[in-house]
């Protein structure tokens, strides 16, 4: 990235200010990146745990699979899913607050006796599946933010900070050269004046 600048004090002050901003922001960005990395791992692990739990629960109910043919699929439905938002390292992430189920009335006398337990199993499976989905979404959001933060850290560390330092060095060298030329010119003028005065005397 080529940094635009002029060979003067104003430009030098501006570049110094921009460099200072980036140097001061870098540790914060690195801390944010580290925090996000940890949170991404936590969210991934929790989503994987919930996925395994869901598989485990489904496998456990395999021995009653033939009974599920008697179950009415429209008996239990999800009426509402309540989510809230929690900020993690400045990133808004979802949290499952609760699930509201709608259970249709059914007769305990006309239907199998295991229906209430079946409803409980379906509610539990739905809760685990939705919680897993929330953690997967949380992982996506945190990982996206982590990648953006990593890009910014790399931009500051590998491109902008060295670029500003180089530009500042160029301006300082130019100004030193200009000052040295000015002093040399003054010495030449002075020595010529002295020479003329000695010749006139």
Protein backbone atom coordinates (compact mmCIF):
# COMPACT_ATOMS: atom_id res chain seq x y z
CA UNK A 1 0.00 0.00 0.00
CA UNK A 2 1.56 3.24 -1.16
CA UNK A 3 1.08 6.02 1.37
CA UNK A 4 0.56 9.46 -0.12
CA UNK A 5 2.55 12.26 1.46
CA UNK A 6 4.28 15.58 0.81
CA UNK A 7 7.82 16.49 1.80
CA UNK A 8 6.86 19.00 4.51
CA UNK A 9 6.29 19.31 8.28
CA UNK A 10 2.47 19.17 8.01
CA UNK A 11 2.61 15.88 6.18
CA UNK A 12 5.17 14.58 8.70
CA UNK A 13 2.88 15.49 11.62
CA UNK A 14 -0.09 13.83 9.90
CA UNK A 15 1.88 10.62 9.25
CA UNK A 16 3.19 10.53 12.83
CA UNK A 17 -0.39 10.88 14.12
CA UNK A 18 -1.65 8.06 11.86
CA UNK A 19 1.28 5.83 12.86
CA UNK A 20 0.61 6.46 16.57
CA UNK A 21 -3.09 5.57 16.14
CA UNK A 22 -2.17 2.25 14.50
CA UNK A 23 0.57 1.38 17.00
CA UNK A 24 -1.82 2.08 19.91
CA UNK A 25 -4.68 0.12 18.30
CA UNK A 26 -2.58 -2.96 17.46
CA UNK A 27 -2.44 -4.54 20.98
CA UNK A 28 -6.22 -4.09 21.36
CA UNK A 29 -6.83 -5.70 17.98
CA UNK A 30 -4.52 -8.60 18.86
CA UNK A 31 -6.36 -9.12 22.16
CA UNK A 32 -9.70 -9.03 20.35
CA UNK A 33 -8.43 -11.58 17.81
CA UNK A 34 -7.24 -13.91 20.61
CA UNK A 35 -10.55 -13.55 22.49
CA UNK A 36 -12.54 -14.26 19.32
CA UNK A 37 -10.37 -17.31 18.55
CA UNK A 38 -11.16 -18.73 22.02
CA UNK A 39 -14.89 -17.94 21.68
CA UNK A 40 -15.04 -19.57 18.21
CA UNK A 41 -13.50 -22.73 19.66
CA UNK A 42 -15.96 -22.73 22.59
CA UNK A 43 -18.96 -22.25 20.27
CA UNK A 44 -17.70 -24.97 17.87
CA UNK A 45 -17.14 -27.40 20.75
CA UNK A 46 -20.60 -26.71 22.17
CA UNK A 47 -22.26 -27.18 18.74
CA UNK A 48 -20.37 -30.49 18.34
CA UNK A 49 -21.38 -31.59 21.86
CA UNK A 50 -25.05 -30.81 21.13
CA UNK A 51 -24.78 -32.62 17.79
CA UNK A 52 -23.43 -35.74 19.54
CA UNK A 53 -26.12 -35.46 22.21
CA UNK A 54 -28.81 -35.23 19.54
CA UNK A 55 -27.43 -38.33 17.76
CA UNK A 56 -27.27 -40.13 21.11
CA UNK A 57 -30.90 -39.29 21.93
CA UNK A 58 -32.11 -40.30 18.46
CA UNK A 59 -30.17 -43.59 18.68
CA UNK A 60 -31.64 -44.21 22.16
CA UNK A 61 -35.16 -43.86 20.77
CA UNK A 62 -34.41 -46.25 17.86
CA UNK A 63 -35.70 -49.22 19.85
CA UNK A 64 -39.13 -47.55 20.01
CA UNK A 65 -39.05 -46.58 16.34
CA UNK A 66 -41.99 -48.83 15.39
CA UNK A 67 -44.13 -47.04 18.00
CA UNK A 68 -43.50 -43.65 16.35
CA UNK A 69 -45.67 -44.78 13.40
CA UNK A 70 -48.64 -44.46 15.77
CA UNK A 71 -47.66 -40.89 16.74
CA UNK A 72 -49.52 -38.01 15.12
CA UNK A 73 -46.86 -35.67 13.62
CA UNK A 74 -49.02 -32.54 14.01
CA UNK A 75 -49.52 -33.16 17.73
CA UNK A 76 -46.46 -31.09 18.72
CA UNK A 77 -45.30 -27.94 16.93
CA UNK A 78 -43.04 -25.01 17.74
CA UNK A 79 -45.07 -21.88 18.37
CA UNK A 80 -42.24 -19.48 19.19
CA UNK A 81 -38.47 -19.40 19.62
CA UNK A 82 -37.18 -16.69 21.97
CA UNK A 83 -33.68 -15.44 21.25
CA UNK A 84 -31.64 -12.74 22.90
CA UNK A 85 -28.37 -11.08 21.89
CA UNK A 86 -25.10 -11.16 23.79
CA UNK A 87 -22.04 -9.18 22.76
CA UNK A 88 -18.80 -11.13 22.75
CA UNK A 89 -15.70 -9.04 21.94
CA UNK A 90 -17.98 -6.50 20.26
CA UNK A 91 -19.83 -9.11 18.16
CA UNK A 92 -23.58 -9.57 18.58
CA UNK A 93 -24.30 -13.28 19.02
CA UNK A 94 -27.61 -15.12 19.52
CA UNK A 95 -28.62 -16.93 22.71
CA UNK A 96 -31.54 -19.32 22.92
CA UNK A 97 -33.78 -18.06 25.72
CA UNK A 98 -36.62 -20.52 25.29
CA UNK A 99 -38.93 -22.42 22.99
CA UNK A 100 -42.70 -22.31 23.19
CA UNK A 101 -44.35 -25.50 22.00
CA UNK A 102 -47.94 -25.90 20.94
CA UNK A 103 -49.41 -29.26 21.92
CA UNK A 104 -52.78 -30.19 20.49
CA UNK A 105 -55.32 -31.79 22.78
CA UNK A 106 -55.51 -35.54 22.59
CA UNK A 107 -57.39 -38.21 24.44
CA UNK A 108 -55.38 -40.37 26.82
CA UNK A 109 -58.01 -43.08 26.50
CA UNK A 110 -58.12 -43.24 22.67
CA UNK A 111 -54.35 -42.96 22.12
CA UNK A 112 -51.35 -45.01 23.31
CA UNK A 113 -50.25 -44.49 26.91
CA UNK A 114 -46.73 -43.47 25.83
CA UNK A 115 -47.95 -40.29 24.05
CA UNK A 116 -47.01 -37.92 26.97
CA UNK A 117 -43.50 -39.43 27.07
CA UNK A 118 -43.32 -39.18 23.25
CA UNK A 119 -44.21 -35.48 23.46
CA UNK A 120 -41.48 -35.02 26.09
CA UNK A 121 -38.93 -36.77 23.82
CA UNK A 122 -39.88 -34.60 20.81
CA UNK A 123 -39.65 -31.42 22.89
CA UNK A 124 -36.21 -32.44 24.16
CA UNK A 125 -34.94 -33.31 20.65
CA UNK A 126 -36.29 -30.03 19.25
CA UNK A 127 -34.64 -28.06 22.06
CA UNK A 128 -31.24 -29.72 21.49
CA UNK A 129 -31.49 -29.26 17.69
CA UNK A 130 -32.42 -25.58 17.98
CA UNK A 131 -29.70 -24.92 20.56
CA UNK A 132 -27.16 -26.60 18.25
CA UNK A 133 -28.35 -24.38 15.35
CA UNK A 134 -27.93 -21.28 17.54
CA UNK A 135 -24.37 -22.32 18.45
CA UNK A 136 -23.57 -22.98 14.77
CA UNK A 137 -24.81 -19.48 13.90
CA UNK A 138 -22.81 -18.05 16.82
CA UNK A 139 -19.71 -19.85 15.48
CA UNK A 140 -20.25 -18.36 11.99
CA UNK A 141 -20.65 -14.80 13.33
CA UNK A 142 -17.64 -15.03 15.66
CA UNK A 143 -15.45 -16.67 13.02
CA UNK A 144 -16.35 -13.97 10.46
CA UNK A 145 -15.44 -11.26 13.00
CA UNK A 146 -12.21 -13.10 13.87
CA UNK A 147 -11.19 -13.24 10.19
CA UNK A 148 -11.91 -9.52 9.76
CA UNK A 149 -9.87 -8.73 12.89
CA UNK A 150 -6.98 -10.92 11.69
CA UNK A 151 -7.03 -9.06 8.35
CA UNK A 152 -6.90 -5.73 10.17
CA UNK A 153 -4.03 -6.91 12.42
CA UNK A 154 -2.10 -8.05 9.33
CA UNK A 155 -2.89 -4.81 7.49
CA UNK A 156 -1.61 -2.70 10.39
CA UNK A 157 1.36 -4.93 11.25
CA UNK A 158 2.64 -5.87 7.80
CA UNK A 159 1.50 -3.02 5.56
CA UNK A 160 0.43 0.25 7.17
CA UNK A 161 2.83 0.60 10.13
CA UNK A 162 5.93 -0.22 8.01
CA UNK A 163 4.54 2.03 5.23
CA UNK A 164 4.07 4.99 7.57
CA UNK A 165 7.51 4.43 9.15
CA UNK A 166 9.12 4.39 5.70
CA UNK A 167 7.27 7.54 4.59
CA UNK A 168 8.25 9.35 7.81
CA UNK A 169 11.89 8.34 7.30
CA UNK A 170 11.82 9.63 3.68
CA UNK A 171 10.39 13.00 4.77
CA UNK A 172 12.95 13.33 7.61
CA UNK A 173 15.84 12.51 5.26
CA UNK A 174 14.52 14.98 2.66
CA UNK A 175 14.17 17.72 5.28
CA UNK A 176 17.69 16.97 6.65
CA UNK A 177 19.13 17.08 3.11
CA UNK A 178 17.29 20.35 2.48
CA UNK A 179 18.67 21.79 5.73
CA UNK A 180 22.22 20.63 4.91
CA UNK A 181 21.98 22.16 1.41
CA UNK A 182 20.72 25.40 2.90
CA UNK A 183 23.63 25.48 5.38
CA UNK A 184 26.11 24.67 2.63
CA UNK A 185 24.68 27.43 0.45
CA UNK A 186 24.94 29.90 3.35
CA UNK A 187 28.59 28.90 3.93
CA UNK A 188 29.39 29.36 0.22
CA UNK A 189 27.72 32.79 0.18
CA UNK A 190 29.55 33.76 3.40
CA UNK A 191 32.94 32.61 2.12
CA UNK A 192 32.40 34.49 -1.18
CA UNK A 193 31.44 37.61 0.74
CA UNK A 194 34.55 37.25 2.91
CA UNK A 195 36.68 36.69 -0.22
CA UNK A 196 35.26 39.80 -1.87
CA UNK A 197 35.86 41.85 1.29
CA UNK A 198 39.47 40.63 1.53
CA UNK A 199 40.03 41.39 -2.18
CA UNK A 200 38.55 44.85 -1.78
CA UNK A 201 40.79 45.52 1.22
